[in-house]
C-alpha atoms as a PDB file:
ATOM      1  CA  MET A   1      -0.014  -0.007   0.016  1.00  0.00           C
ATOM      2  CA  TRP A   2       1.260   3.439  -0.945  1.00  0.00           C
ATOM      3  CA  SER A   3       1.411   6.175   1.736  1.00  0.00           C
ATOM      4  CA  ALA A   4       2.889   9.505   1.443  1.00  0.00           C
ATOM      5  CA  ASP A   5       4.380  11.451   4.384  1.00  0.00           C
ATOM      6  CA  PHE A   6       4.036  15.105   3.339  1.00  0.00           C
ATOM      7  CA  THR A   7       6.841  16.345   5.581  1.00  0.00           C
ATOM      8  CA  THR A   8       9.474  13.854   4.168  1.00  0.00           C
ATOM      9  CA  ASP A   9       8.301  13.328   0.551  1.00  0.00           C
ATOM     10  CA  TRP A  10       7.885  16.957  -0.323  1.00  0.00           C
ATOM     11  CA  PRO A  11       9.894  19.087   2.321  1.00  0.00           C
ATOM     12  CA  ASN A  12       9.942  22.164   0.222  1.00  0.00           C
ATOM     13  CA  ARG A  13       6.089  22.363  -0.191  1.00  0.00           C
ATOM     14  CA  PHE A  14       5.722  21.538   3.515  1.00  0.00           C
ATOM     15  CA  ALA A  15       8.049  24.356   4.491  1.00  0.00           C
ATOM     16  CA  ARG A  16       6.283  26.827   2.229  1.00  0.00           C
ATOM     17  CA  LEU A  17       2.748  25.828   3.498  1.00  0.00           C
ATOM     18  CA  THR A  18       4.039  26.007   7.166  1.00  0.00           C
ATOM     19  CA  GLU A  19       5.408  29.476   6.602  1.00  0.00           C
ATOM     20  CA  ILE A  20       2.232  30.648   5.050  1.00  0.00           C
ATOM     21  CA  ARG A  21       0.169  29.129   7.993  1.00  0.00           C
ATOM     22  CA  ASN A  22       2.336  30.835  10.429  1.00  0.00           C
ATOM     23  CA  LEU A  23       1.943  34.216   8.672  1.00  0.00           C
ATOM     24  CA  VAL A  24      -1.794  33.877   8.696  1.00  0.00           C
ATOM     25  CA  GLU A  25      -2.044  32.804  12.331  1.00  0.00           C
ATOM     26  CA  SER A  26       0.213  35.659  13.416  1.00  0.00           C
ATOM     27  CA  ALA A  27      -2.108  38.156  11.570  1.00  0.00           C
ATOM     28  CA  TYR A  28      -5.220  36.604  13.002  1.00  0.00           C
ATOM     29  CA  SER A  29      -3.622  36.677  16.464  1.00  0.00           C
ATOM     30  CA  SER A  30      -2.715  40.399  16.316  1.00  0.00           C
ATOM     31  CA  ILE A  31      -6.193  41.261  14.945  1.00  0.00           C
ATOM     32  CA  GLU A  32      -7.848  39.281  17.634  1.00  0.00           C
ATOM     33  CA  GLU A  33      -5.516  40.862  20.319  1.00  0.00           C
ATOM     34  CA  ARG A  34      -6.274  44.312  19.152  1.00  0.00           C
ATOM     35  CA  PHE A  35     -10.107  44.075  18.494  1.00  0.00           C
ATOM     36  CA  GLY A  36     -11.286  41.051  20.394  1.00  0.00           C
ATOM     37  CA  HIS A  37     -12.512  37.658  19.064  1.00  0.00           C
ATOM     38  CA  GLN A  38     -16.172  38.679  18.591  1.00  0.00           C
ATOM     39  CA  LEU A  39     -17.860  40.345  15.747  1.00  0.00           C
ATOM     40  CA  ARG A  40     -20.085  43.285  16.481  1.00  0.00           C
ATOM     41  CA  CYS A  41     -22.168  43.360  13.344  1.00  0.00           C
ATOM     42  CA  GLN A  42     -25.186  41.084  13.320  1.00  0.00           C
ATOM     43  CA  SER A  43     -26.014  41.216   9.621  1.00  0.00           C
ATOM     44  CA  ARG A  44     -24.614  38.763   7.045  1.00  0.00           C
ATOM     45  CA  VAL A  45     -23.435  41.613   4.964  1.00  0.00           C
ATOM     46  CA  GLY A  46     -21.812  43.555   7.890  1.00  0.00           C
ATOM     47  CA  GLN A  47     -19.727  40.718   9.303  1.00  0.00           C
ATOM     48  CA  PRO A  48     -17.494  40.101   6.248  1.00  0.00           C
ATOM     49  CA  ASN A  49     -17.120  43.964   5.958  1.00  0.00           C
ATOM     50  CA  GLU A  50     -16.168  44.183   9.571  1.00  0.00           C
ATOM     51  CA  ILE A  51     -13.474  41.392   9.041  1.00  0.00           C
ATOM     52  CA  LEU A  52     -12.105  43.139   5.968  1.00  0.00           C
ATOM     53  CA  THR A  53     -12.098  46.511   7.901  1.00  0.00           C
ATOM     54  CA  LYS A  54     -10.137  45.064  10.840  1.00  0.00           C
ATOM     55  CA  GLY A  55      -7.617  43.580   8.326  1.00  0.00           C
ATOM     56  CA  ILE A  56      -7.135  46.939   6.642  1.00  0.00           C
ATOM     57  CA  VAL A  57      -6.676  48.696   9.888  1.00  0.00           C
ATOM     58  CA  LYS A  58      -4.241  46.169  11.013  1.00  0.00           C
ATOM     59  CA  ASN A  59      -2.310  46.678   7.804  1.00  0.00           C
ATOM     60  CA  VAL A  60      -2.311  50.405   8.066  1.00  0.00           C
ATOM     61  CA  ARG A  61      -1.036  50.256  11.535  1.00  0.00           C
ATOM     62  CA  VAL A  62       1.847  48.100  10.593  1.00  0.00           C
ATOM     63  CA  VAL A  63       2.715  50.274   7.525  1.00  0.00           C
ATOM     64  CA  ALA A  64       2.639  53.375   9.648  1.00  0.00           C
ATOM     65  CA  GLY A  65       4.618  51.629  12.420  1.00  0.00           C
ATOM     66  CA  VAL A  66       2.239  52.218  15.315  1.00  0.00           C
ATOM     67  CA  PRO A  67       3.334  50.130  18.282  1.00  0.00           C
ATOM     68  CA  SER A  68       0.831  47.399  19.359  1.00  0.00           C
ATOM     69  CA  TRP A  69       0.469  48.786  22.818  1.00  0.00           C
ATOM     70  CA  TYR A  70      -0.756  52.181  21.515  1.00  0.00           C
ATOM     71  CA  ARG A  71      -4.264  52.908  22.066  1.00  0.00           C
ATOM     72  CA  ALA A  72      -6.496  55.683  20.582  1.00  0.00           C
ATOM     73  CA  GLU A  73      -7.875  56.458  24.031  1.00  0.00           C
ATOM     74  CA  PHE A  74      -4.607  58.201  24.858  1.00  0.00           C
ATOM     75  CA  ILE A  75      -5.316  60.746  22.159  1.00  0.00           C
ATOM     76  CA  ALA A  76      -8.803  61.406  23.520  1.00  0.00           C
ATOM     77  CA  MET A  77      -7.503  61.781  27.140  1.00  0.00           C
ATOM     78  CA  ALA A  78      -4.663  64.130  26.083  1.00  0.00           C
ATOM     79  CA  SER A  79      -6.906  66.393  23.995  1.00  0.00           C
ATOM     80  CA  THR A  80      -9.250  67.028  27.048  1.00  0.00           C
ATOM     81  CA  VAL A  81      -6.359  68.183  29.258  1.00  0.00           C
END
């Protein structure tokens, strides 16, 4: 009987897929850490839009170099002082 072990028979493919999986899990983790794990939209149209918006905001924050600990509430508190 023929059986294939993906990790040993195709190590390059396995390494590439593992790399992609790590990148996806890292992005998901950072979005979940920042925005929480629940969706606020209740409609079927709003939920995918909310997910896409969170991804866009995450990418903008990475490109802008905003630290992960930075919160928008600091700006609101500073402007009232």
